[in-house]
Amino acid sequence: MSRILGMMAGAGILVLALFAWFDSAAGWSDGHSDIGFWWTVIATFLTIAGVGTVIGTWLHTQPIDD
């Protein structure tokens, strides 16, 4: 159950990152380099957090072999 919740949390964070990447691209294409830059920074941190959540969940919910 905790694996499912962790994976769902990671997927949710990655969805937020996807929206941030779209906002970044819109900022760059409209000529607002400051908005594009900061949304890129936010999107990068969200992507790192989402991938870290998925990998960490996978690693820490493996069965223990005794």
PDB file of N, CA and C in Angstrom:
ATOM      1  N   MET A   1       0.818  -1.194   0.000  1.00  0.00           N
ATOM      2  CA  MET A   1       0.000   0.000   0.000  1.00  0.00           C
ATOM      3  C   MET A   1       0.863   1.260   0.000  1.00  0.00           C
ATOM      4  N   SER A   2       1.948   1.227   0.762  1.00  0.00           N
ATOM      5  CA  SER A   2       2.800   2.414   0.804  1.00  0.00           C
ATOM      6  C   SER A   2       3.508   2.633  -0.532  1.00  0.00           C
ATOM      7  N   ARG A   3       3.767   1.532  -1.258  1.00  0.00           N
ATOM      8  CA  ARG A   3       4.384   1.688  -2.577  1.00  0.00           C
ATOM      9  C   ARG A   3       3.431   2.416  -3.521  1.00  0.00           C
ATOM     10  N   ILE A   4       2.160   2.063  -3.473  1.00  0.00           N
ATOM     11  CA  ILE A   4       1.173   2.711  -4.336  1.00  0.00           C
ATOM     12  C   ILE A   4       1.058   4.193  -3.997  1.00  0.00           C
ATOM     13  N   LEU A   5       0.993   4.520  -2.722  1.00  0.00           N
ATOM     14  CA  LEU A   5       0.885   5.922  -2.314  1.00  0.00           C
ATOM     15  C   LEU A   5       2.125   6.727  -2.710  1.00  0.00           C
ATOM     16  N   GLY A   6       3.289   6.125  -2.547  1.00  0.00           N
ATOM     17  CA  GLY A   6       4.526   6.806  -2.925  1.00  0.00           C
ATOM     18  C   GLY A   6       4.620   7.051  -4.421  1.00  0.00           C
ATOM     19  N   MET A   7       4.217   6.058  -5.196  1.00  0.00           N
ATOM     20  CA  MET A   7       4.240   6.213  -6.650  1.00  0.00           C
ATOM     21  C   MET A   7       3.219   7.256  -7.107  1.00  0.00           C
ATOM     22  N   MET A   8       2.058   7.284  -6.448  1.00  0.00           N
ATOM     23  CA  MET A   8       1.051   8.291  -6.790  1.00  0.00           C
ATOM     24  C   MET A   8       1.549   9.691  -6.440  1.00  0.00           C
ATOM     25  N   ALA A   9       2.233   9.825  -5.317  1.00  0.00           N
ATOM     26  CA  ALA A   9       2.792  11.122  -4.939  1.00  0.00           C
ATOM     27  C   ALA A   9       3.847  11.566  -5.948  1.00  0.00           C
ATOM     28  N   GLY A  10       4.718  10.639  -6.349  1.00  0.00           N
ATOM     29  CA  GLY A  10       5.728  10.960  -7.344  1.00  0.00           C
ATOM     30  C   GLY A  10       5.111  11.351  -8.678  1.00  0.00           C
ATOM     31  N   ALA A  11       4.059  10.632  -9.083  1.00  0.00           N
ATOM     32  CA  ALA A  11       3.381  10.966 -10.337  1.00  0.00           C
ATOM     33  C   ALA A  11       2.717  12.336 -10.247  1.00  0.00           C
ATOM     34  N   GLY A  12       2.145  12.649  -9.092  1.00  0.00           N
ATOM     35  CA  GLY A  12       1.526  13.962  -8.908  1.00  0.00           C
ATOM     36  C   GLY A  12       2.537  15.094  -9.009  1.00  0.00           C
ATOM     37  N   ILE A  13       3.700  14.891  -8.417  1.00  0.00           N
ATOM     38  CA  ILE A  13       4.751  15.902  -8.501  1.00  0.00           C
ATOM     39  C   ILE A  13       5.230  16.052  -9.939  1.00  0.00           C
ATOM     40  N   LEU A  14       5.330  14.930 -10.655  1.00  0.00           N
ATOM     41  CA  LEU A  14       5.757  15.010 -12.055  1.00  0.00           C
ATOM     42  C   LEU A  14       4.716  15.699 -12.933  1.00  0.00           C
ATOM     43  N   VAL A  15       3.443  15.566 -12.608  1.00  0.00           N
ATOM     44  CA  VAL A  15       2.398  16.299 -13.336  1.00  0.00           C
ATOM     45  C   VAL A  15       2.564  17.800 -13.095  1.00  0.00           C
ATOM     46  N   LEU A  16       2.828  18.187 -11.857  1.00  0.00           N
ATOM     47  CA  LEU A  16       3.077  19.598 -11.565  1.00  0.00           C
ATOM     48  C   LEU A  16       4.304  20.103 -12.326  1.00  0.00           C
ATOM     49  N   ALA A  17       5.332  19.260 -12.417  1.00  0.00           N
ATOM     50  CA  ALA A  17       6.530  19.634 -13.166  1.00  0.00           C
ATOM     51  C   ALA A  17       6.206  19.826 -14.639  1.00  0.00           C
ATOM     52  N   LEU A  18       5.349  18.977 -15.182  1.00  0.00           N
ATOM     53  CA  LEU A  18       4.971  19.111 -16.584  1.00  0.00           C
ATOM     54  C   LEU A  18       4.275  20.447 -16.841  1.00  0.00           C
ATOM     55  N   PHE A  19       3.361  20.832 -15.956  1.00  0.00           N
ATOM     56  CA  PHE A  19       2.703  22.130 -16.091  1.00  0.00           C
ATOM     57  C   PHE A  19       3.714  23.277 -15.985  1.00  0.00           C
ATOM     58  N   ALA A  20       4.694  23.126 -15.105  1.00  0.00           N
ATOM     59  CA  ALA A  20       5.720  24.162 -14.963  1.00  0.00           C
ATOM     60  C   ALA A  20       6.580  24.257 -16.222  1.00  0.00           C
ATOM     61  N   TRP A  21       6.880  23.110 -16.855  1.00  0.00           N
ATOM     62  CA  TRP A  21       7.642  23.147 -18.118  1.00  0.00           C
ATOM     63  C   TRP A  21       6.846  23.859 -19.203  1.00  0.00           C
ATOM     64  N   PHE A  22       5.523  23.632 -19.251  1.00  0.00           N
ATOM     65  CA  PHE A  22       4.686  24.320 -20.235  1.00  0.00           C
ATOM     66  C   PHE A  22       4.667  25.829 -19.982  1.00  0.00           C
ATOM     67  N   ASP A  23       4.576  26.233 -18.710  1.00  0.00           N
ATOM     68  CA  ASP A  23       4.618  27.662 -18.382  1.00  0.00           C
ATOM     69  C   ASP A  23       5.962  28.278 -18.767  1.00  0.00           C
ATOM     70  N   SER A  24       7.031  27.520 -18.544  1.00  0.00           N
ATOM     71  CA  SER A  24       8.359  27.986 -18.927  1.00  0.00           C
ATOM     72  C   SER A  24       8.454  28.202 -20.433  1.00  0.00           C
ATOM     73  N   ALA A  25       7.982  27.237 -21.188  1.00  0.00           N
ATOM     74  CA  ALA A  25       8.033  27.354 -22.649  1.00  0.00           C
ATOM     75  C   ALA A  25       7.194  28.534 -23.131  1.00  0.00           C
ATOM     76  N   ALA A  26       6.040  28.748 -22.497  1.00  0.00           N
ATOM     77  CA  ALA A  26       5.196  29.881 -22.881  1.00  0.00           C
ATOM     78  C   ALA A  26       5.897  31.208 -22.579  1.00  0.00           C
ATOM     79  N   GLY A  27       6.589  31.278 -21.445  1.00  0.00           N
ATOM     80  CA  GLY A  27       7.320  32.492 -21.104  1.00  0.00           C
ATOM     81  C   GLY A  27       8.434  32.791 -22.092  1.00  0.00           C
ATOM     82  N   TRP A  28       9.197  31.761 -22.452  1.00  0.00           N
ATOM     83  CA  TRP A  28      10.283  31.955 -23.411  1.00  0.00           C
ATOM     84  C   TRP A  28       9.735  32.360 -24.777  1.00  0.00           C
ATOM     85  N   SER A  29       8.662  31.688 -25.225  1.00  0.00           N
ATOM     86  CA  SER A  29       8.155  31.967 -26.572  1.00  0.00           C
ATOM     87  C   SER A  29       7.487  33.336 -26.679  1.00  0.00           C
ATOM     88  N   ASP A  30       6.981  33.865 -25.560  1.00  0.00           N
ATOM     89  CA  ASP A  30       6.366  35.193 -25.574  1.00  0.00           C
ATOM     90  C   ASP A  30       7.383  36.315 -25.395  1.00  0.00           C
ATOM     91  N   GLY A  31       8.647  35.946 -25.249  1.00  0.00           N
ATOM     92  CA  GLY A  31       9.684  36.956 -25.117  1.00  0.00           C
ATOM     93  C   GLY A  31       9.923  37.428 -23.694  1.00  0.00           C
ATOM     94  N   HIS A  32       9.375  36.721 -22.718  1.00  0.00           N
ATOM     95  CA  HIS A  32       9.576  37.072 -21.305  1.00  0.00           C
ATOM     96  C   HIS A  32      10.633  36.129 -20.735  1.00  0.00           C
ATOM     97  N   SER A  33      11.876  36.485 -20.938  1.00  0.00           N
ATOM     98  CA  SER A  33      12.955  35.586 -20.528  1.00  0.00           C
ATOM     99  C   SER A  33      13.019  35.397 -19.025  1.00  0.00           C
ATOM    100  N   ASP A  34      12.620  36.407 -18.242  1.00  0.00           N
ATOM    101  CA  ASP A  34      12.653  36.250 -16.788  1.00  0.00           C
ATOM    102  C   ASP A  34      11.629  35.219 -16.329  1.00  0.00           C
ATOM    103  N   ILE A  35      10.440  35.267 -16.886  1.00  0.00           N
ATOM    104  CA  ILE A  35       9.407  34.288 -16.523  1.00  0.00           C
ATOM    105  C   ILE A  35       9.819  32.898 -17.001  1.00  0.00           C
ATOM    106  N   GLY A  36      10.337  32.820 -18.226  1.00  0.00           N
ATOM    107  CA  GLY A  36      10.792  31.537 -18.744  1.00  0.00           C
ATOM    108  C   GLY A  36      11.894  30.942 -17.899  1.00  0.00           C
ATOM    109  N   PHE A  37      12.831  31.783 -17.475  1.00  0.00           N
ATOM    110  CA  PHE A  37      13.952  31.294 -16.662  1.00  0.00           C
ATOM    111  C   PHE A  37      13.474  30.750 -15.323  1.00  0.00           C
ATOM    112  N   TRP A  38      12.651  31.519 -14.611  1.00  0.00           N
ATOM    113  CA  TRP A  38      12.255  31.090 -13.276  1.00  0.00           C
ATOM    114  C   TRP A  38      11.323  29.892 -13.307  1.00  0.00           C
ATOM    115  N   TRP A  39      10.472  29.796 -14.335  1.00  0.00           N
ATOM    116  CA  TRP A  39       9.651  28.592 -14.454  1.00  0.00           C
ATOM    117  C   TRP A  39      10.512  27.383 -14.806  1.00  0.00           C
ATOM    118  N   THR A  40      11.607  27.606 -15.518  1.00  0.00           N
ATOM    119  CA  THR A  40      12.538  26.514 -15.795  1.00  0.00           C
ATOM    120  C   THR A  40      13.184  26.026 -14.507  1.00  0.00           C
ATOM    121  N   VAL A  41      13.572  26.953 -13.654  1.00  0.00           N
ATOM    122  CA  VAL A  41      14.168  26.584 -12.368  1.00  0.00           C
ATOM    123  C   VAL A  41      13.167  25.783 -11.525  1.00  0.00           C
ATOM    124  N   ILE A  42      11.940  26.273 -11.437  1.00  0.00           N
ATOM    125  CA  ILE A  42      10.906  25.586 -10.664  1.00  0.00           C
ATOM    126  C   ILE A  42      10.635  24.209 -11.246  1.00  0.00           C
ATOM    127  N   ALA A  43      10.517  24.125 -12.569  1.00  0.00           N
ATOM    128  CA  ALA A  43      10.235  22.848 -13.225  1.00  0.00           C
ATOM    129  C   ALA A  43      11.369  21.849 -13.003  1.00  0.00           C
ATOM    130  N   THR A  44      12.600  22.330 -13.013  1.00  0.00           N
ATOM    131  CA  THR A  44      13.739  21.445 -12.770  1.00  0.00           C
ATOM    132  C   THR A  44      13.701  20.866 -11.364  1.00  0.00           C
ATOM    133  N   PHE A  45      13.445  21.716 -10.373  1.00  0.00           N
ATOM    134  CA  PHE A  45      13.363  21.223  -8.996  1.00  0.00           C
ATOM    135  C   PHE A  45      12.209  20.244  -8.819  1.00  0.00           C
ATOM    136  N   LEU A  46      11.063  20.527  -9.425  1.00  0.00           N
ATOM    137  CA  LEU A  46       9.931  19.608  -9.337  1.00  0.00           C
ATOM    138  C   LEU A  46      10.230  18.282 -10.017  1.00  0.00           C
ATOM    139  N   THR A  47      10.924  18.319 -11.138  1.00  0.00           N
ATOM    140  CA  THR A  47      11.282  17.078 -11.826  1.00  0.00           C
ATOM    141  C   THR A  47      12.234  16.243 -10.979  1.00  0.00           C
ATOM    142  N   ILE A  48      13.214  16.881 -10.387  1.00  0.00           N
ATOM    143  CA  ILE A  48      14.148  16.165  -9.509  1.00  0.00           C
ATOM    144  C   ILE A  48      13.398  15.563  -8.324  1.00  0.00           C
ATOM    145  N   ALA A  49      12.488  16.323  -7.735  1.00  0.00           N
ATOM    146  CA  ALA A  49      11.719  15.824  -6.595  1.00  0.00           C
ATOM    147  C   ALA A  49      10.825  14.660  -6.992  1.00  0.00           C
ATOM    148  N   GLY A  50      10.169  14.751  -8.144  1.00  0.00           N
ATOM    149  CA  GLY A  50       9.290  13.675  -8.585  1.00  0.00           C
ATOM    150  C   GLY A  50      10.040  12.394  -8.877  1.00  0.00           C
ATOM    151  N   VAL A  51      11.149  12.510  -9.592  1.00  0.00           N
ATOM    152  CA  VAL A  51      11.949  11.322  -9.900  1.00  0.00           C
ATOM    153  C   VAL A  51      12.538  10.738  -8.616  1.00  0.00           C
ATOM    154  N   GLY A  52      12.989  11.592  -7.722  1.00  0.00           N
ATOM    155  CA  GLY A  52      13.513  11.117  -6.436  1.00  0.00           C
ATOM    156  C   GLY A  52      12.458  10.411  -5.613  1.00  0.00           C
ATOM    157  N   THR A  53      11.237  10.900  -5.657  1.00  0.00           N
ATOM    158  CA  THR A  53      10.148  10.256  -4.927  1.00  0.00           C
ATOM    159  C   THR A  53       9.851   8.877  -5.486  1.00  0.00           C
ATOM    160  N   VAL A  54       9.792   8.761  -6.795  1.00  0.00           N
ATOM    161  CA  VAL A  54       9.509   7.458  -7.416  1.00  0.00           C
ATOM    162  C   VAL A  54      10.634   6.467  -7.138  1.00  0.00           C
ATOM    163  N   ILE A  55      11.876   6.887  -7.326  1.00  0.00           N
ATOM    164  CA  ILE A  55      13.014   5.990  -7.089  1.00  0.00           C
ATOM    165  C   ILE A  55      13.116   5.625  -5.608  1.00  0.00           C
ATOM    166  N   GLY A  56      12.959   6.610  -4.737  1.00  0.00           N
ATOM    167  CA  GLY A  56      13.037   6.340  -3.299  1.00  0.00           C
ATOM    168  C   GLY A  56      11.934   5.406  -2.828  1.00  0.00           C
ATOM    169  N   THR A  57      10.743   5.593  -3.364  1.00  0.00           N
ATOM    170  CA  THR A  57       9.643   4.699  -3.013  1.00  0.00           C
ATOM    171  C   THR A  57       9.951   3.282  -3.469  1.00  0.00           C
ATOM    172  N   TRP A  58      10.441   3.154  -4.688  1.00  0.00           N
ATOM    173  CA  TRP A  58      10.750   1.829  -5.211  1.00  0.00           C
ATOM    174  C   TRP A  58      11.836   1.141  -4.365  1.00  0.00           C
ATOM    175  N   LEU A  59      12.880   1.868  -4.027  1.00  0.00           N
ATOM    176  CA  LEU A  59      13.978   1.276  -3.266  1.00  0.00           C
ATOM    177  C   LEU A  59      13.581   0.916  -1.836  1.00  0.00           C
ATOM    178  N   HIS A  60      12.786   1.765  -1.193  1.00  0.00           N
ATOM    179  CA  HIS A  60      12.492   1.581   0.217  1.00  0.00           C
ATOM    180  C   HIS A  60      11.257   0.728   0.481  1.00  0.00           C
ATOM    181  N   THR A  61      10.614   0.243  -0.569  1.00  0.00           N
ATOM    182  CA  THR A  61       9.477  -0.660  -0.350  1.00  0.00           C
ATOM    183  C   THR A  61       9.747  -2.052  -0.905  1.00  0.00           C
ATOM    184  N   GLN A  62      11.012  -2.371  -1.165  1.00  0.00           N
ATOM    185  CA  GLN A  62      11.379  -3.708  -1.605  1.00  0.00           C
ATOM    186  C   GLN A  62      11.308  -4.677  -0.418  1.00  0.00           C
ATOM    187  N   PRO A  63      10.899  -5.910  -0.695  1.00  0.00           N
ATOM    188  CA  PRO A  63      10.872  -6.895   0.397  1.00  0.00           C
ATOM    189  C   PRO A  63      12.278  -7.168   0.920  1.00  0.00           C
ATOM    190  N   ILE A  64      12.376  -7.408   2.205  1.00  0.00           N
ATOM    191  CA  ILE A  64      13.668  -7.652   2.851  1.00  0.00           C
ATOM    192  C   ILE A  64      13.914  -9.158   2.871  1.00  0.00           C
ATOM    193  N   ASP A  65      15.072  -9.581   2.349  1.00  0.00           N
ATOM    194  CA  ASP A  65      15.456 -10.991   2.357  1.00  0.00           C
ATOM    195  C   ASP A  65      16.282 -11.271   3.601  1.00  0.00           C
ATOM    196  N   ASP A  66      15.751 -12.122   4.468  1.00  0.00           N
ATOM    197  CA  ASP A  66      16.483 -12.484   5.702  1.00  0.00           C
ATOM    198  C   ASP A  66      17.127 -13.830   5.572  1.00  0.00           C
TER     199      ASP A  66
END
